[in-house]
């Protein structure tokens, strides 16, 4: 979720549901990739 880098693995652990991040049934999916990148100034 912190980067659009498609090589970063998706965790299979339980997650909080989030409508904003399209997380349902407590599962992380590809849909939320990069949606929290604004919180992590990786290149800076």
ModelCIF file with pLDDT and N, C-alpha, C, O atoms, coordinates in Angstrom:
data_MODEL
#
_entry.id   MODEL 
#
_entity.id                         1 
_entity.type                       polymer 
_entity.pdbx_number_of_molecules   1 
#
_entity_poly.entity_id                      1 
_entity_poly.type                           'polypeptide(L)' 
_entity_poly.nstd_linkage                   no 
_entity_poly.nstd_monomer                   no 
_entity_poly.pdbx_seq_one_letter_code       
;(UNK)(UNK)(UNK)(UNK)(UNK)(UNK)(UNK)(UNK)(UNK)(UNK)(UNK)(UNK)(UNK)(UNK)(UNK)(UNK)
(UNK)(UNK)(UNK)(UNK)(UNK)(UNK)(UNK)(UNK)(UNK)(UNK)(UNK)(UNK)(UNK)(UNK)(UNK)(UNK)
(UNK)(UNK)(UNK)(UNK)(UNK)(UNK)(UNK)(UNK)(UNK)(UNK)(UNK)(UNK)
;
_entity_poly.pdbx_seq_one_letter_code_can   XXXXXXXXXXXXXXXXXXXXXXXXXXXXXXXXXXXXXXXXXXXX 
_entity_poly.pdbx_strand_id                 A 
#
loop_
_entity_poly_seq.entity_id 
_entity_poly_seq.num 
_entity_poly_seq.mon_id 
_entity_poly_seq.hetero 
1 1  UNK n 
1 2  UNK n 
1 3  UNK n 
1 4  UNK n 
1 5  UNK n 
1 6  UNK n 
1 7  UNK n 
1 8  UNK n 
1 9  UNK n 
1 10 UNK n 
1 11 UNK n 
1 12 UNK n 
1 13 UNK n 
1 14 UNK n 
1 15 UNK n 
1 16 UNK n 
1 17 UNK n 
1 18 UNK n 
1 19 UNK n 
1 20 UNK n 
1 21 UNK n 
1 22 UNK n 
1 23 UNK n 
1 24 UNK n 
1 25 UNK n 
1 26 UNK n 
1 27 UNK n 
1 28 UNK n 
1 29 UNK n 
1 30 UNK n 
1 31 UNK n 
1 32 UNK n 
1 33 UNK n 
1 34 UNK n 
1 35 UNK n 
1 36 UNK n 
1 37 UNK n 
1 38 UNK n 
1 39 UNK n 
1 40 UNK n 
1 41 UNK n 
1 42 UNK n 
1 43 UNK n 
1 44 UNK n 
#
_struct_asym.id          A 
_struct_asym.entity_id   1 
#
loop_
_ma_qa_metric.id 
_ma_qa_metric.mode 
_ma_qa_metric.name 
_ma_qa_metric.software_group_id 
_ma_qa_metric.type 
1 global pLDDT . pLDDT 
2 local  pLDDT . pLDDT 
#
_ma_qa_metric_global.metric_id      1 
_ma_qa_metric_global.metric_value   96.52 
_ma_qa_metric_global.model_id       1 
_ma_qa_metric_global.ordinal_id     1 
#
loop_
_ma_qa_metric_local.label_asym_id 
_ma_qa_metric_local.label_comp_id 
_ma_qa_metric_local.label_seq_id 
_ma_qa_metric_local.metric_id 
_ma_qa_metric_local.metric_value 
_ma_qa_metric_local.model_id 
_ma_qa_metric_local.ordinal_id 
A UNK 1  2 98.00 1 1  
A UNK 2  2 98.00 1 2  
A UNK 3  2 98.00 1 3  
A UNK 4  2 97.00 1 4  
A UNK 5  2 98.00 1 5  
A UNK 6  2 97.00 1 6  
A UNK 7  2 98.00 1 7  
A UNK 8  2 98.00 1 8  
A UNK 9  2 98.00 1 9  
A UNK 10 2 98.00 1 10 
A UNK 11 2 98.00 1 11 
A UNK 12 2 97.00 1 12 
A UNK 13 2 97.00 1 13 
A UNK 14 2 97.00 1 14 
A UNK 15 2 97.00 1 15 
A UNK 16 2 96.00 1 16 
A UNK 17 2 96.00 1 17 
A UNK 18 2 95.00 1 18 
A UNK 19 2 93.00 1 19 
A UNK 20 2 90.00 1 20 
A UNK 21 2 92.00 1 21 
A UNK 22 2 91.00 1 22 
A UNK 23 2 95.00 1 23 
A UNK 24 2 96.00 1 24 
A UNK 25 2 96.00 1 25 
A UNK 26 2 97.00 1 26 
A UNK 27 2 97.00 1 27 
A UNK 28 2 98.00 1 28 
A UNK 29 2 97.00 1 29 
A UNK 30 2 97.00 1 30 
A UNK 31 2 96.00 1 31 
A UNK 32 2 96.00 1 32 
A UNK 33 2 97.00 1 33 
A UNK 34 2 97.00 1 34 
A UNK 35 2 96.00 1 35 
A UNK 36 2 97.00 1 36 
A UNK 37 2 97.00 1 37 
A UNK 38 2 97.00 1 38 
A UNK 39 2 98.00 1 39 
A UNK 40 2 98.00 1 40 
A UNK 41 2 97.00 1 41 
A UNK 42 2 98.00 1 42 
A UNK 43 2 96.00 1 43 
A UNK 44 2 97.00 1 44 
#
loop_
_atom_site.group_PDB 
_atom_site.id 
_atom_site.type_symbol 
_atom_site.label_atom_id 
_atom_site.label_alt_id 
_atom_site.label_comp_id 
_atom_site.label_asym_id 
_atom_site.label_entity_id 
_atom_site.label_seq_id 
_atom_site.pdbx_PDB_ins_code 
_atom_site.Cartn_x 
_atom_site.Cartn_y 
_atom_site.Cartn_z 
_atom_site.occupancy 
_atom_site.B_iso_or_equiv 
_atom_site.pdbx_formal_charge 
_atom_site.auth_seq_id 
_atom_site.auth_comp_id 
_atom_site.auth_asym_id 
_atom_site.auth_atom_id 
_atom_site.pdbx_PDB_model_num 
ATOM 1   N N  . UNK A 1 1  ? 0.812   -1.216  0.000  1.00 98.00 ? 1  UNK A N  1 
ATOM 2   C CA . UNK A 1 1  ? 0.000   0.000   0.000  1.00 98.00 ? 1  UNK A CA 1 
ATOM 3   C C  . UNK A 1 1  ? 0.845   1.265   0.000  1.00 98.00 ? 1  UNK A C  1 
ATOM 4   O O  . UNK A 1 1  ? 0.334   2.343   -0.303 1.00 98.00 ? 1  UNK A O  1 
ATOM 5   N N  . UNK A 1 2  ? 2.148   1.154   0.339  1.00 98.00 ? 2  UNK A N  1 
ATOM 6   C CA . UNK A 1 2  ? 2.977   2.358   0.465  1.00 98.00 ? 2  UNK A CA 1 
ATOM 7   C C  . UNK A 1 2  ? 3.676   2.721   -0.838 1.00 98.00 ? 2  UNK A C  1 
ATOM 8   O O  . UNK A 1 2  ? 4.342   3.754   -0.907 1.00 98.00 ? 2  UNK A O  1 
ATOM 9   N N  . UNK A 1 3  ? 3.539   1.895   -1.874 1.00 98.00 ? 3  UNK A N  1 
ATOM 10  C CA . UNK A 1 3  ? 4.255   2.118   -3.121 1.00 98.00 ? 3  UNK A CA 1 
ATOM 11  C C  . UNK A 1 3  ? 3.489   1.502   -4.291 1.00 98.00 ? 3  UNK A C  1 
ATOM 12  O O  . UNK A 1 3  ? 2.728   0.549   -4.125 1.00 98.00 ? 3  UNK A O  1 
ATOM 13  N N  . UNK A 1 4  ? 3.711   2.072   -5.477 1.00 97.00 ? 4  UNK A N  1 
ATOM 14  C CA . UNK A 1 4  ? 3.123   1.491   -6.686 1.00 97.00 ? 4  UNK A CA 1 
ATOM 15  C C  . UNK A 1 4  ? 4.015   0.399   -7.267 1.00 97.00 ? 4  UNK A C  1 
ATOM 16  O O  . UNK A 1 4  ? 3.677   -0.185  -8.297 1.00 97.00 ? 4  UNK A O  1 
ATOM 17  N N  . UNK A 1 5  ? 5.117   0.122   -6.644 1.00 98.00 ? 5  UNK A N  1 
ATOM 18  C CA . UNK A 1 5  ? 6.048   -0.922  -7.069 1.00 98.00 ? 5  UNK A CA 1 
ATOM 19  C C  . UNK A 1 5  ? 5.321   -2.269  -7.107 1.00 98.00 ? 5  UNK A C  1 
ATOM 20  O O  . UNK A 1 5  ? 4.930   -2.794  -6.064 1.00 98.00 ? 5  UNK A O  1 
ATOM 21  N N  . UNK A 1 6  ? 5.143   -2.822  -8.297 1.00 97.00 ? 6  UNK A N  1 
ATOM 22  C CA . UNK A 1 6  ? 4.353   -4.048  -8.456 1.00 97.00 ? 6  UNK A CA 1 
ATOM 23  C C  . UNK A 1 6  ? 5.069   -5.292  -7.971 1.00 97.00 ? 6  UNK A C  1 
ATOM 24  O O  . UNK A 1 6  ? 4.473   -6.368  -7.919 1.00 97.00 ? 6  UNK A O  1 
ATOM 25  N N  . UNK A 1 7  ? 6.343   -5.164  -7.612 1.00 98.00 ? 7  UNK A N  1 
ATOM 26  C CA . UNK A 1 7  ? 7.104   -6.312  -7.123 1.00 98.00 ? 7  UNK A CA 1 
ATOM 27  C C  . UNK A 1 7  ? 6.969   -6.520  -5.622 1.00 98.00 ? 7  UNK A C  1 
ATOM 28  O O  . UNK A 1 7  ? 7.463   -7.516  -5.092 1.00 98.00 ? 7  UNK A O  1 
ATOM 29  N N  . UNK A 1 8  ? 6.308   -5.600  -4.927 1.00 98.00 ? 8  UNK A N  1 
ATOM 30  C CA . UNK A 1 8  ? 6.151   -5.722  -3.479 1.00 98.00 ? 8  UNK A CA 1 
ATOM 31  C C  . UNK A 1 8  ? 5.032   -6.710  -3.174 1.00 98.00 ? 8  UNK A C  1 
ATOM 32  O O  . UNK A 1 8  ? 3.926   -6.598  -3.703 1.00 98.00 ? 8  UNK A O  1 
ATOM 33  N N  . UNK A 1 9  ? 5.333   -7.667  -2.322 1.00 98.00 ? 9  UNK A N  1 
ATOM 34  C CA . UNK A 1 9  ? 4.387   -8.725  -1.995 1.00 98.00 ? 9  UNK A CA 1 
ATOM 35  C C  . UNK A 1 9  ? 3.164   -8.192  -1.246 1.00 98.00 ? 9  UNK A C  1 
ATOM 36  O O  . UNK A 1 9  ? 3.236   -7.182  -0.546 1.00 98.00 ? 9  UNK A O  1 
ATOM 37  N N  . UNK A 1 10 ? 2.048   -8.892  -1.409 1.00 98.00 ? 10 UNK A N  1 
ATOM 38  C CA . UNK A 1 10 ? 0.818   -8.570  -0.699 1.00 98.00 ? 10 UNK A CA 1 
ATOM 39  C C  . UNK A 1 10 ? 0.674   -9.530  0.476  1.00 98.00 ? 10 UNK A C  1 
ATOM 40  O O  . UNK A 1 10 ? 0.700   -10.748 0.295  1.00 98.00 ? 10 UNK A O  1 
ATOM 41  N N  . UNK A 1 11 ? 0.525   -8.989  1.666  1.00 98.00 ? 11 UNK A N  1 
ATOM 42  C CA . UNK A 1 11 ? 0.406   -9.815  2.865  1.00 98.00 ? 11 UNK A CA 1 
ATOM 43  C C  . UNK A 1 11 ? -0.897  -10.607 2.854  1.00 98.00 ? 11 UNK A C  1 
ATOM 44  O O  . UNK A 1 11 ? -1.910  -10.151 2.324  1.00 98.00 ? 11 UNK A O  1 
ATOM 45  N N  . UNK A 1 12 ? -0.857  -11.780 3.437  1.00 97.00 ? 12 UNK A N  1 
ATOM 46  C CA . UNK A 1 12 ? -2.057  -12.603 3.595  1.00 97.00 ? 12 UNK A CA 1 
ATOM 47  C C  . UNK A 1 12 ? -2.647  -12.482 4.991  1.00 97.00 ? 12 UNK A C  1 
ATOM 48  O O  . UNK A 1 12 ? -3.601  -13.185 5.324  1.00 97.00 ? 12 UNK A O  1 
ATOM 49  N N  . UNK A 1 13 ? -2.088  -11.598 5.810  1.00 97.00 ? 13 UNK A N  1 
ATOM 50  C CA . UNK A 1 13 ? -2.566  -11.450 7.191  1.00 97.00 ? 13 UNK A CA 1 
ATOM 51  C C  . UNK A 1 13 ? -3.905  -10.724 7.242  1.00 97.00 ? 13 UNK A C  1 
ATOM 52  O O  . UNK A 1 13 ? -4.304  -10.047 6.294  1.00 97.00 ? 13 UNK A O  1 
ATOM 53  N N  . UNK A 1 14 ? -4.588  -10.882 8.372  1.00 97.00 ? 14 UNK A N  1 
ATOM 54  C CA . UNK A 1 14 ? -5.845  -10.187 8.628  1.00 97.00 ? 14 UNK A CA 1 
ATOM 55  C C  . UNK A 1 14 ? -5.644  -8.682  8.521  1.00 97.00 ? 14 UNK A C  1 
ATOM 56  O O  . UNK A 1 14 ? -4.613  -8.154  8.938  1.00 97.00 ? 14 UNK A O  1 
ATOM 57  N N  . UNK A 1 15 ? -6.645  -7.986  7.953  1.00 97.00 ? 15 UNK A N  1 
ATOM 58  C CA . UNK A 1 15 ? -6.555  -6.532  7.820  1.00 97.00 ? 15 UNK A CA 1 
ATOM 59  C C  . UNK A 1 15 ? -7.886  -5.899  8.191  1.00 97.00 ? 15 UNK A C  1 
ATOM 60  O O  . UNK A 1 15 ? -8.943  -6.517  8.062  1.00 97.00 ? 15 UNK A O  1 
ATOM 61  N N  . UNK A 1 16 ? -7.815  -4.656  8.654  1.00 96.00 ? 16 UNK A N  1 
ATOM 62  C CA . UNK A 1 16 ? -9.038  -3.902  8.901  1.00 96.00 ? 16 UNK A CA 1 
ATOM 63  C C  . UNK A 1 16 ? -9.728  -3.615  7.574  1.00 96.00 ? 16 UNK A C  1 
ATOM 64  O O  . UNK A 1 16 ? -9.076  -3.242  6.600  1.00 96.00 ? 16 UNK A O  1 
ATOM 65  N N  . UNK A 1 17 ? -11.037 -3.786  7.535  1.00 96.00 ? 17 UNK A N  1 
ATOM 66  C CA . UNK A 1 17 ? -11.776 -3.408  6.344  1.00 96.00 ? 17 UNK A CA 1 
ATOM 67  C C  . UNK A 1 17 ? -11.724 -1.901  6.162  1.00 96.00 ? 17 UNK A C  1 
ATOM 68  O O  . UNK A 1 17 ? -11.758 -1.150  7.137  1.00 96.00 ? 17 UNK A O  1 
ATOM 69  N N  . UNK A 1 18 ? -11.643 -1.462  4.920  1.00 95.00 ? 18 UNK A N  1 
ATOM 70  C CA . UNK A 1 18 ? -11.587 -0.035  4.615  1.00 95.00 ? 18 UNK A CA 1 
ATOM 71  C C  . UNK A 1 18 ? -12.251 0.210   3.269  1.00 95.00 ? 18 UNK A C  1 
ATOM 72  O O  . UNK A 1 18 ? -11.774 -0.255  2.234  1.00 95.00 ? 18 UNK A O  1 
ATOM 73  N N  . UNK A 1 19 ? -13.345 0.939   3.295  1.00 93.00 ? 19 UNK A N  1 
ATOM 74  C CA . UNK A 1 19 ? -14.018 1.261   2.038  1.00 93.00 ? 19 UNK A CA 1 
ATOM 75  C C  . UNK A 1 19 ? -13.128 2.134   1.168  1.00 93.00 ? 19 UNK A C  1 
ATOM 76  O O  . UNK A 1 19 ? -13.089 1.967   -0.051 1.00 93.00 ? 19 UNK A O  1 
ATOM 77  N N  . UNK A 1 20 ? -12.406 3.074   1.798  1.00 90.00 ? 20 UNK A N  1 
ATOM 78  C CA . UNK A 1 20 ? -11.545 3.992   1.051  1.00 90.00 ? 20 UNK A CA 1 
ATOM 79  C C  . UNK A 1 20 ? -10.422 3.254   0.331  1.00 90.00 ? 20 UNK A C  1 
ATOM 80  O O  . UNK A 1 20 ? -9.992  3.674   -0.743 1.00 90.00 ? 20 UNK A O  1 
ATOM 81  N N  . UNK A 1 21 ? -9.943  2.150   0.917  1.00 92.00 ? 21 UNK A N  1 
ATOM 82  C CA . UNK A 1 21 ? -8.863  1.382   0.311  1.00 92.00 ? 21 UNK A CA 1 
ATOM 83  C C  . UNK A 1 21 ? -9.354  0.096   -0.340 1.00 92.00 ? 21 UNK A C  1 
ATOM 84  O O  . UNK A 1 21 ? -8.560  -0.763  -0.725 1.00 92.00 ? 21 UNK A O  1 
ATOM 85  N N  . UNK A 1 22 ? -10.678 -0.025  -0.457 1.00 91.00 ? 22 UNK A N  1 
ATOM 86  C CA . UNK A 1 22 ? -11.297 -1.188  -1.118 1.00 91.00 ? 22 UNK A CA 1 
ATOM 87  C C  . UNK A 1 22 ? -10.883 -2.505  -0.476 1.00 91.00 ? 22 UNK A C  1 
ATOM 88  O O  . UNK A 1 22 ? -10.632 -3.494  -1.165 1.00 91.00 ? 22 UNK A O  1 
ATOM 89  N N  . UNK A 1 23 ? -10.814 -2.504  0.849  1.00 95.00 ? 23 UNK A N  1 
ATOM 90  C CA . UNK A 1 23 ? -10.473 -3.721  1.587  1.00 95.00 ? 23 UNK A CA 1 
ATOM 91  C C  . UNK A 1 23 ? -11.740 -4.256  2.240  1.00 95.00 ? 23 UNK A C  1 
ATOM 92  O O  . UNK A 1 23 ? -12.378 -3.566  3.035  1.00 95.00 ? 23 UNK A O  1 
ATOM 93  N N  . UNK A 1 24 ? -12.096 -5.480  1.899  1.00 96.00 ? 24 UNK A N  1 
ATOM 94  C CA . UNK A 1 24 ? -13.268 -6.121  2.470  1.00 96.00 ? 24 UNK A CA 1 
ATOM 95  C C  . UNK A 1 24 ? -12.919 -7.543  2.878  1.00 96.00 ? 24 UNK A C  1 
ATOM 96  O O  . UNK A 1 24 ? -11.913 -8.098  2.438  1.00 96.00 ? 24 UNK A O  1 
ATOM 97  N N  . UNK A 1 25 ? -13.753 -8.120  3.716  1.00 96.00 ? 25 UNK A N  1 
ATOM 98  C CA . UNK A 1 25 ? -13.544 -9.483  4.223  1.00 96.00 ? 25 UNK A CA 1 
ATOM 99  C C  . UNK A 1 25 ? -12.178 -9.637  4.868  1.00 96.00 ? 25 UNK A C  1 
ATOM 100 O O  . UNK A 1 25 ? -11.632 -10.738 4.943  1.00 96.00 ? 25 UNK A O  1 
ATOM 101 N N  . UNK A 1 26 ? -11.630 -8.518  5.333  1.00 97.00 ? 26 UNK A N  1 
ATOM 102 C CA . UNK A 1 26 ? -10.358 -8.495  6.079  1.00 97.00 ? 26 UNK A CA 1 
ATOM 103 C C  . UNK A 1 26 ? -9.187  -9.078  5.293  1.00 97.00 ? 26 UNK A C  1 
ATOM 104 O O  . UNK A 1 26 ? -8.274  -9.674  5.864  1.00 97.00 ? 26 UNK A O  1 
ATOM 105 N N  . UNK A 1 27 ? -9.231  -8.894  3.952  1.00 97.00 ? 27 UNK A N  1 
ATOM 106 C CA . UNK A 1 27 ? -8.158  -9.407  3.112  1.00 97.00 ? 27 UNK A CA 1 
ATOM 107 C C  . UNK A 1 27 ? -7.558  -8.278  2.278  1.00 97.00 ? 27 UNK A C  1 
ATOM 108 O O  . UNK A 1 27 ? -8.285  -7.463  1.710  1.00 97.00 ? 27 UNK A O  1 
ATOM 109 N N  . UNK A 1 28 ? -6.237  -8.235  2.209  1.00 98.00 ? 28 UNK A N  1 
ATOM 110 C CA . UNK A 1 28 ? -5.538  -7.269  1.374  1.00 98.00 ? 28 UNK A CA 1 
ATOM 111 C C  . UNK A 1 28 ? -5.465  -7.786  -0.058 1.00 98.00 ? 28 UNK A C  1 
ATOM 112 O O  . UNK A 1 28 ? -5.260  -8.977  -0.288 1.00 98.00 ? 28 UNK A O  1 
ATOM 113 N N  . UNK A 1 29 ? -5.635  -6.873  -1.022 1.00 97.00 ? 29 UNK A N  1 
ATOM 114 C CA . UNK A 1 29 ? -5.617  -7.265  -2.438 1.00 97.00 ? 29 UNK A CA 1 
ATOM 115 C C  . UNK A 1 29 ? -4.831  -6.250  -3.255 1.00 97.00 ? 29 UNK A C  1 
ATOM 116 O O  . UNK A 1 29 ? -4.377  -5.230  -2.737 1.00 97.00 ? 29 UNK A O  1 
ATOM 117 N N  . UNK A 1 30 ? -4.680  -6.546  -4.531 1.00 97.00 ? 30 UNK A N  1 
ATOM 118 C CA . UNK A 1 30 ? -3.968  -5.686  -5.463 1.00 97.00 ? 30 UNK A CA 1 
ATOM 119 C C  . UNK A 1 30 ? -4.604  -4.292  -5.569 1.00 97.00 ? 30 UNK A C  1 
ATOM 120 O O  . UNK A 1 30 ? -3.923  -3.313  -5.872 1.00 97.00 ? 30 UNK A O  1 
ATOM 121 N N  . UNK A 1 31 ? -5.900  -4.217  -5.319 1.00 96.00 ? 31 UNK A N  1 
ATOM 122 C CA . UNK A 1 31 ? -6.623  -2.957  -5.494 1.00 96.00 ? 31 UNK A CA 1 
ATOM 123 C C  . UNK A 1 31 ? -6.036  -1.837  -4.636 1.00 96.00 ? 31 UNK A C  1 
ATOM 124 O O  . UNK A 1 31 ? -6.063  -0.672  -5.032 1.00 96.00 ? 31 UNK A O  1 
ATOM 125 N N  . UNK A 1 32 ? -5.508  -2.185  -3.468 1.00 96.00 ? 32 UNK A N  1 
ATOM 126 C CA . UNK A 1 32 ? -5.003  -1.149  -2.559 1.00 96.00 ? 32 UNK A CA 1 
ATOM 127 C C  . UNK A 1 32 ? -3.523  -0.838  -2.751 1.00 96.00 ? 32 UNK A C  1 
ATOM 128 O O  . UNK A 1 32 ? -2.943  -0.109  -1.946 1.00 96.00 ? 32 UNK A O  1 
ATOM 129 N N  . UNK A 1 33 ? -2.907  -1.370  -3.789 1.00 97.00 ? 33 UNK A N  1 
ATOM 130 C CA . UNK A 1 33 ? -1.486  -1.089  -4.021 1.00 97.00 ? 33 UNK A CA 1 
ATOM 131 C C  . UNK A 1 33 ? -1.277  0.413   -4.247 1.00 97.00 ? 33 UNK A C  1 
ATOM 132 O O  . UNK A 1 33 ? -1.930  1.022   -5.094 1.00 97.00 ? 33 UNK A O  1 
ATOM 133 N N  . UNK A 1 34 ? -0.371  0.985   -3.489 1.00 97.00 ? 34 UNK A N  1 
ATOM 134 C CA . UNK A 1 34 ? 0.003   2.377   -3.670 1.00 97.00 ? 34 UNK A CA 1 
ATOM 135 C C  . UNK A 1 34 ? -0.957  3.401   -3.110 1.00 97.00 ? 34 UNK A C  1 
ATOM 136 O O  . UNK A 1 34 ? -0.704  4.601   -3.224 1.00 97.00 ? 34 UNK A O  1 
ATOM 137 N N  . UNK A 1 35 ? -2.072  2.960   -2.496 1.00 96.00 ? 35 UNK A N  1 
ATOM 138 C CA . UNK A 1 35 ? -3.073  3.922   -2.045 1.00 96.00 ? 35 UNK A CA 1 
ATOM 139 C C  . UNK A 1 35 ? -2.648  4.698   -0.797 1.00 96.00 ? 35 UNK A C  1 
ATOM 140 O O  . UNK A 1 35 ? -3.301  5.678   -0.440 1.00 96.00 ? 35 UNK A O  1 
ATOM 141 N N  . UNK A 1 36 ? -1.572  4.285   -0.126 1.00 97.00 ? 36 UNK A N  1 
ATOM 142 C CA . UNK A 1 36 ? -1.028  5.050   0.986  1.00 97.00 ? 36 UNK A CA 1 
ATOM 143 C C  . UNK A 1 36 ? 0.381   5.575   0.673  1.00 97.00 ? 36 UNK A C  1 
ATOM 144 O O  . UNK A 1 36 ? 1.139   5.906   1.585  1.00 97.00 ? 36 UNK A O  1 
ATOM 145 N N  . UNK A 1 37 ? 0.721   5.646   -0.600 1.00 97.00 ? 37 UNK A N  1 
ATOM 146 C CA . UNK A 1 37 ? 2.060   6.113   -0.983 1.00 97.00 ? 37 UNK A CA 1 
ATOM 147 C C  . UNK A 1 37 ? 2.292   7.559   -0.570 1.00 97.00 ? 37 UNK A C  1 
ATOM 148 O O  . UNK A 1 37 ? 3.433   7.975   -0.372 1.00 97.00 ? 37 UNK A O  1 
ATOM 149 N N  . UNK A 1 38 ? 1.198   8.337   -0.438 1.00 97.00 ? 38 UNK A N  1 
ATOM 150 C CA . UNK A 1 38 ? 1.352   9.746   -0.068 1.00 97.00 ? 38 UNK A CA 1 
ATOM 151 C C  . UNK A 1 38 ? 1.915   9.917   1.340  1.00 97.00 ? 38 UNK A C  1 
ATOM 152 O O  . UNK A 1 38 ? 2.416   10.987  1.686  1.00 97.00 ? 38 UNK A O  1 
ATOM 153 N N  . UNK A 1 39 ? 1.832   8.856   2.157  1.00 98.00 ? 39 UNK A N  1 
ATOM 154 C CA . UNK A 1 39 ? 2.360   8.938   3.518  1.00 98.00 ? 39 UNK A CA 1 
ATOM 155 C C  . UNK A 1 39 ? 3.835   8.576   3.615  1.00 98.00 ? 39 UNK A C  1 
ATOM 156 O O  . UNK A 1 39 ? 4.433   8.698   4.684  1.00 98.00 ? 39 UNK A O  1 
ATOM 157 N N  . UNK A 1 40 ? 4.425   8.134   2.517  1.00 98.00 ? 40 UNK A N  1 
ATOM 158 C CA . UNK A 1 40 ? 5.796   7.633   2.571  1.00 98.00 ? 40 UNK A CA 1 
ATOM 159 C C  . UNK A 1 40 ? 6.610   8.298   1.460  1.00 98.00 ? 40 UNK A C  1 
ATOM 160 O O  . UNK A 1 40 ? 6.492   7.927   0.292  1.00 98.00 ? 40 UNK A O  1 
ATOM 161 N N  . UNK A 1 41 ? 7.417   9.260   1.820  1.00 97.00 ? 41 UNK A N  1 
ATOM 162 C CA . UNK A 1 41 ? 8.208   10.016  0.849  1.00 97.00 ? 41 UNK A CA 1 
ATOM 163 C C  . UNK A 1 41 ? 9.452   9.213   0.469  1.00 97.00 ? 41 UNK A C  1 
ATOM 164 O O  . UNK A 1 41 ? 10.577  9.616   0.766  1.00 97.00 ? 41 UNK A O  1 
ATOM 165 N N  . UNK A 1 42 ? 9.239   8.093   -0.179 1.00 98.00 ? 42 UNK A N  1 
ATOM 166 C CA . UNK A 1 42 ? 10.329  7.141   -0.406 1.00 98.00 ? 42 UNK A CA 1 
ATOM 167 C C  . UNK A 1 42 ? 11.471  7.771   -1.204 1.00 98.00 ? 42 UNK A C  1 
ATOM 168 O O  . UNK A 1 42 ? 12.633  7.650   -0.816 1.00 98.00 ? 42 UNK A O  1 
ATOM 169 N N  . UNK A 1 43 ? 11.158  8.436   -2.303 1.00 96.00 ? 43 UNK A N  1 
ATOM 170 C CA . UNK A 1 43 ? 12.220  8.977   -3.134 1.00 96.00 ? 43 UNK A CA 1 
ATOM 171 C C  . UNK A 1 43 ? 12.951  10.121  -2.433 1.00 96.00 ? 43 UNK A C  1 
ATOM 172 O O  . UNK A 1 43 ? 14.165  10.259  -2.585 1.00 96.00 ? 43 UNK A O  1 
ATOM 173 N N  . UNK A 1 44 ? 12.231  10.940  -1.670 1.00 97.00 ? 44 UNK A N  1 
ATOM 174 C CA . UNK A 1 44 ? 12.886  12.000  -0.893 1.00 97.00 ? 44 UNK A CA 1 
ATOM 175 C C  . UNK A 1 44 ? 13.873  11.390  0.092  1.00 97.00 ? 44 UNK A C  1 
ATOM 176 O O  . UNK A 1 44 ? 14.528  12.116  0.840  1.00 97.00 ? 44 UNK A O  1 
#
